Amino acid sequence: MGRVSDIDYISGVGDGINWSLKNKDATVIKSGTLDNGEGAAFSAHNIVMRKGESLYFSVDMKNNLNSDSTNLDIIITSRQ
């Protein structure tokens, strides 16, 4: 589970972000879009990973790259 936030809120400057969480095969696990200054919680369950594999978090601009600073808080747990 986690939370992603567009933390740069300057009225009239930025237009927000598109974000995604992907596995090693570039399969999208979760994705979303946020307006400037917004945040959203997300969760993903039953993701099978092996030792040494990575998760990739991507942030892309919408129509402009102004005010797109982003914060990601994420908790990863394992079940064996």
N, C-alpha and C. Protein backbone atom coordinates (compact mmCIF):
# COMPACT_ATOMS: atom_id res chain seq x y z
N MET A 1 0.84 -1.17 0.00
CA MET A 1 0.00 0.00 0.00
C MET A 1 0.88 1.23 0.00
N GLY A 2 0.31 2.33 -0.43
CA GLY A 2 1.11 3.54 -0.49
C GLY A 2 0.28 4.76 -0.78
N ARG A 3 0.99 5.85 -0.95
CA ARG A 3 0.36 7.12 -1.29
C ARG A 3 1.29 7.88 -2.22
N VAL A 4 0.73 8.44 -3.27
CA VAL A 4 1.47 9.27 -4.21
C VAL A 4 0.85 10.66 -4.20
N SER A 5 1.69 11.70 -4.22
CA SER A 5 1.19 13.07 -4.14
C SER A 5 1.97 13.98 -5.08
N ASP A 6 1.25 14.86 -5.76
CA ASP A 6 1.87 15.97 -6.49
C ASP A 6 2.01 17.08 -5.46
N ILE A 7 3.23 17.35 -5.02
CA ILE A 7 3.43 18.24 -3.88
C ILE A 7 3.74 19.69 -4.26
N ASP A 8 3.74 19.98 -5.54
CA ASP A 8 4.04 21.34 -6.01
C ASP A 8 2.75 22.04 -6.39
N TYR A 9 2.12 22.70 -5.46
CA TYR A 9 0.89 23.40 -5.80
C TYR A 9 1.13 24.89 -5.88
N ILE A 10 1.16 25.38 -7.09
CA ILE A 10 1.21 26.81 -7.36
C ILE A 10 0.06 27.08 -8.32
N SER A 11 -0.93 27.79 -7.87
CA SER A 11 -2.14 28.02 -8.65
C SER A 11 -1.81 28.58 -10.04
N GLY A 12 -2.36 27.91 -11.06
CA GLY A 12 -2.22 28.39 -12.42
C GLY A 12 -0.91 28.02 -13.10
N VAL A 13 -0.03 27.28 -12.42
CA VAL A 13 1.27 26.96 -13.03
C VAL A 13 1.30 25.53 -13.56
N GLY A 14 1.13 24.55 -12.69
CA GLY A 14 1.20 23.15 -13.12
C GLY A 14 -0.17 22.58 -13.42
N ASP A 15 -0.17 21.40 -14.05
CA ASP A 15 -1.44 20.75 -14.36
C ASP A 15 -1.52 19.32 -13.83
N GLY A 16 -0.56 18.94 -12.98
CA GLY A 16 -0.61 17.62 -12.36
C GLY A 16 0.29 16.61 -13.04
N ILE A 17 0.10 15.34 -12.65
CA ILE A 17 0.97 14.26 -13.12
C ILE A 17 0.17 13.01 -13.49
N ASN A 18 0.80 12.16 -14.27
CA ASN A 18 0.37 10.79 -14.49
C ASN A 18 1.41 9.91 -13.82
N TRP A 19 0.99 8.86 -13.14
CA TRP A 19 1.95 7.99 -12.46
C TRP A 19 1.61 6.53 -12.70
N SER A 20 2.61 5.68 -12.54
CA SER A 20 2.37 4.24 -12.67
C SER A 20 3.38 3.45 -11.86
N LEU A 21 2.96 2.28 -11.43
CA LEU A 21 3.80 1.31 -10.74
C LEU A 21 3.80 0.07 -11.62
N LYS A 22 5.00 -0.37 -12.04
CA LYS A 22 5.12 -1.49 -12.98
C LYS A 22 6.08 -2.54 -12.44
N ASN A 23 5.92 -3.76 -12.96
CA ASN A 23 6.85 -4.81 -12.61
C ASN A 23 7.97 -4.88 -13.65
N LYS A 24 8.84 -5.88 -13.54
CA LYS A 24 10.00 -5.98 -14.42
C LYS A 24 9.62 -6.17 -15.89
N ASP A 25 8.44 -6.69 -16.16
CA ASP A 25 7.98 -6.89 -17.53
C ASP A 25 7.22 -5.68 -18.07
N ALA A 26 7.24 -4.58 -17.32
CA ALA A 26 6.53 -3.34 -17.68
C ALA A 26 5.02 -3.50 -17.64
N THR A 27 4.54 -4.52 -16.94
CA THR A 27 3.11 -4.68 -16.73
C THR A 27 2.67 -3.68 -15.67
N VAL A 28 1.64 -2.91 -15.97
CA VAL A 28 1.16 -1.90 -15.02
C VAL A 28 0.40 -2.58 -13.89
N ILE A 29 0.87 -2.34 -12.67
CA ILE A 29 0.22 -2.87 -11.47
C ILE A 29 -0.83 -1.90 -10.98
N LYS A 30 -0.48 -0.63 -10.93
CA LYS A 30 -1.39 0.46 -10.55
C LYS A 30 -0.97 1.69 -11.33
N SER A 31 -1.93 2.57 -11.60
CA SER A 31 -1.62 3.83 -12.27
C SER A 31 -2.72 4.83 -11.95
N GLY A 32 -2.43 6.08 -12.21
CA GLY A 32 -3.43 7.11 -11.97
C GLY A 32 -2.99 8.45 -12.49
N THR A 33 -3.83 9.40 -12.31
CA THR A 33 -3.56 10.77 -12.69
C THR A 33 -3.97 11.67 -11.53
N LEU A 34 -3.17 12.67 -11.27
CA LEU A 34 -3.44 13.60 -10.17
C LEU A 34 -3.38 15.02 -10.68
N ASP A 35 -4.30 15.84 -10.23
CA ASP A 35 -4.22 17.26 -10.51
C ASP A 35 -3.17 17.89 -9.61
N ASN A 36 -2.77 19.08 -9.93
CA ASN A 36 -1.75 19.80 -9.18
C ASN A 36 -2.14 19.89 -7.70
N GLY A 37 -1.24 19.47 -6.81
CA GLY A 37 -1.48 19.54 -5.38
C GLY A 37 -2.29 18.41 -4.79
N GLU A 38 -2.74 17.44 -5.60
CA GLU A 38 -3.55 16.32 -5.11
C GLU A 38 -2.69 15.14 -4.69
N GLY A 39 -3.29 14.23 -3.94
CA GLY A 39 -2.65 12.98 -3.56
C GLY A 39 -3.68 11.86 -3.59
N ALA A 40 -3.20 10.63 -3.65
CA ALA A 40 -4.11 9.48 -3.66
C ALA A 40 -3.44 8.28 -3.02
N ALA A 41 -4.22 7.53 -2.27
CA ALA A 41 -3.74 6.27 -1.70
C ALA A 41 -3.99 5.15 -2.71
N PHE A 42 -3.15 4.13 -2.65
CA PHE A 42 -3.34 2.98 -3.52
C PHE A 42 -2.90 1.71 -2.79
N SER A 43 -3.38 0.57 -3.26
CA SER A 43 -2.93 -0.71 -2.72
C SER A 43 -2.86 -1.72 -3.86
N ALA A 44 -2.00 -2.68 -3.70
CA ALA A 44 -1.85 -3.77 -4.66
C ALA A 44 -1.57 -5.03 -3.86
N HIS A 45 -2.26 -6.09 -4.20
CA HIS A 45 -2.14 -7.33 -3.43
C HIS A 45 -1.74 -8.49 -4.33
N ASN A 46 -1.15 -9.50 -3.72
CA ASN A 46 -0.81 -10.75 -4.40
C ASN A 46 0.08 -10.57 -5.62
N ILE A 47 1.08 -9.71 -5.50
CA ILE A 47 2.06 -9.53 -6.56
C ILE A 47 3.20 -10.52 -6.31
N VAL A 48 3.43 -11.39 -7.26
CA VAL A 48 4.48 -12.39 -7.11
C VAL A 48 5.80 -11.81 -7.61
N MET A 49 6.79 -11.82 -6.73
CA MET A 49 8.12 -11.33 -7.09
C MET A 49 9.15 -12.32 -6.57
N ARG A 50 10.28 -12.33 -7.25
CA ARG A 50 11.39 -13.19 -6.83
C ARG A 50 12.54 -12.32 -6.34
N LYS A 51 13.40 -12.90 -5.58
CA LYS A 51 14.57 -12.20 -5.06
C LYS A 51 15.33 -11.53 -6.21
N GLY A 52 15.65 -10.25 -6.03
CA GLY A 52 16.40 -9.51 -7.03
C GLY A 52 15.55 -8.76 -8.04
N GLU A 53 14.25 -9.03 -8.09
CA GLU A 53 13.37 -8.31 -9.02
C GLU A 53 13.04 -6.93 -8.47
N SER A 54 12.66 -6.04 -9.36
CA SER A 54 12.38 -4.65 -8.98
C SER A 54 10.96 -4.24 -9.34
N LEU A 55 10.47 -3.23 -8.62
CA LEU A 55 9.26 -2.51 -8.99
C LEU A 55 9.70 -1.16 -9.52
N TYR A 56 8.98 -0.63 -10.49
CA TYR A 56 9.34 0.64 -11.10
C TYR A 56 8.20 1.64 -10.93
N PHE A 57 8.51 2.77 -10.34
CA PHE A 57 7.54 3.84 -10.16
C PHE A 57 7.90 4.95 -11.14
N SER A 58 6.94 5.33 -11.99
CA SER A 58 7.18 6.36 -12.99
C SER A 58 6.25 7.54 -12.79
N VAL A 59 6.77 8.72 -13.02
CA VAL A 59 5.99 9.95 -12.99
C VAL A 59 6.18 10.66 -14.32
N ASP A 60 5.08 11.02 -14.96
CA ASP A 60 5.12 11.74 -16.22
C ASP A 60 4.29 13.01 -16.11
N MET A 61 4.68 13.99 -16.88
CA MET A 61 3.91 15.23 -16.92
C MET A 61 2.59 14.98 -17.66
N LYS A 62 1.64 15.87 -17.44
CA LYS A 62 0.43 15.86 -18.26
C LYS A 62 0.74 16.70 -19.50
N ASN A 63 0.30 17.96 -19.52
CA ASN A 63 0.54 18.81 -20.69
C ASN A 63 1.74 19.73 -20.54
N ASN A 64 2.20 19.94 -19.30
CA ASN A 64 3.41 20.74 -19.11
C ASN A 64 4.21 20.16 -17.95
N LEU A 65 5.46 20.54 -17.87
CA LEU A 65 6.32 19.97 -16.83
C LEU A 65 6.50 20.90 -15.64
N ASN A 66 5.68 21.91 -15.52
CA ASN A 66 5.78 22.84 -14.40
C ASN A 66 5.16 22.25 -13.13
N SER A 67 5.79 22.48 -12.01
CA SER A 67 5.25 22.11 -10.69
C SER A 67 4.86 20.64 -10.60
N ASP A 68 5.76 19.74 -10.99
CA ASP A 68 5.48 18.31 -10.96
C ASP A 68 6.27 17.55 -9.90
N SER A 69 6.76 18.23 -8.86
CA SER A 69 7.46 17.51 -7.79
C SER A 69 6.50 16.50 -7.17
N THR A 70 7.01 15.31 -6.91
CA THR A 70 6.15 14.21 -6.49
C THR A 70 6.72 13.52 -5.26
N ASN A 71 5.83 13.10 -4.38
CA ASN A 71 6.21 12.35 -3.18
C ASN A 71 5.57 10.97 -3.25
N LEU A 72 6.35 9.94 -2.90
CA LEU A 72 5.85 8.57 -2.87
C LEU A 72 6.17 7.97 -1.51
N ASP A 73 5.14 7.49 -0.82
CA ASP A 73 5.29 6.73 0.42
C ASP A 73 4.75 5.34 0.12
N ILE A 74 5.56 4.32 0.37
CA ILE A 74 5.13 2.97 0.03
C ILE A 74 5.59 1.98 1.10
N ILE A 75 4.74 1.00 1.38
CA ILE A 75 5.07 -0.07 2.31
C ILE A 75 4.98 -1.38 1.54
N ILE A 76 6.06 -2.15 1.59
CA ILE A 76 6.10 -3.45 0.92
C ILE A 76 6.26 -4.52 1.99
N THR A 77 5.38 -5.50 1.96
CA THR A 77 5.47 -6.61 2.91
C THR A 77 5.56 -7.92 2.13
N SER A 78 6.09 -8.94 2.78
CA SER A 78 6.19 -10.24 2.12
C SER A 78 5.42 -11.29 2.90
N ARG A 79 4.92 -12.25 2.15
CA ARG A 79 4.27 -13.41 2.74
C ARG A 79 5.03 -14.63 2.25
N GLN A 80 5.30 -15.53 3.16
CA GLN A 80 6.06 -16.72 2.74
C GLN A 80 5.30 -17.97 3.02
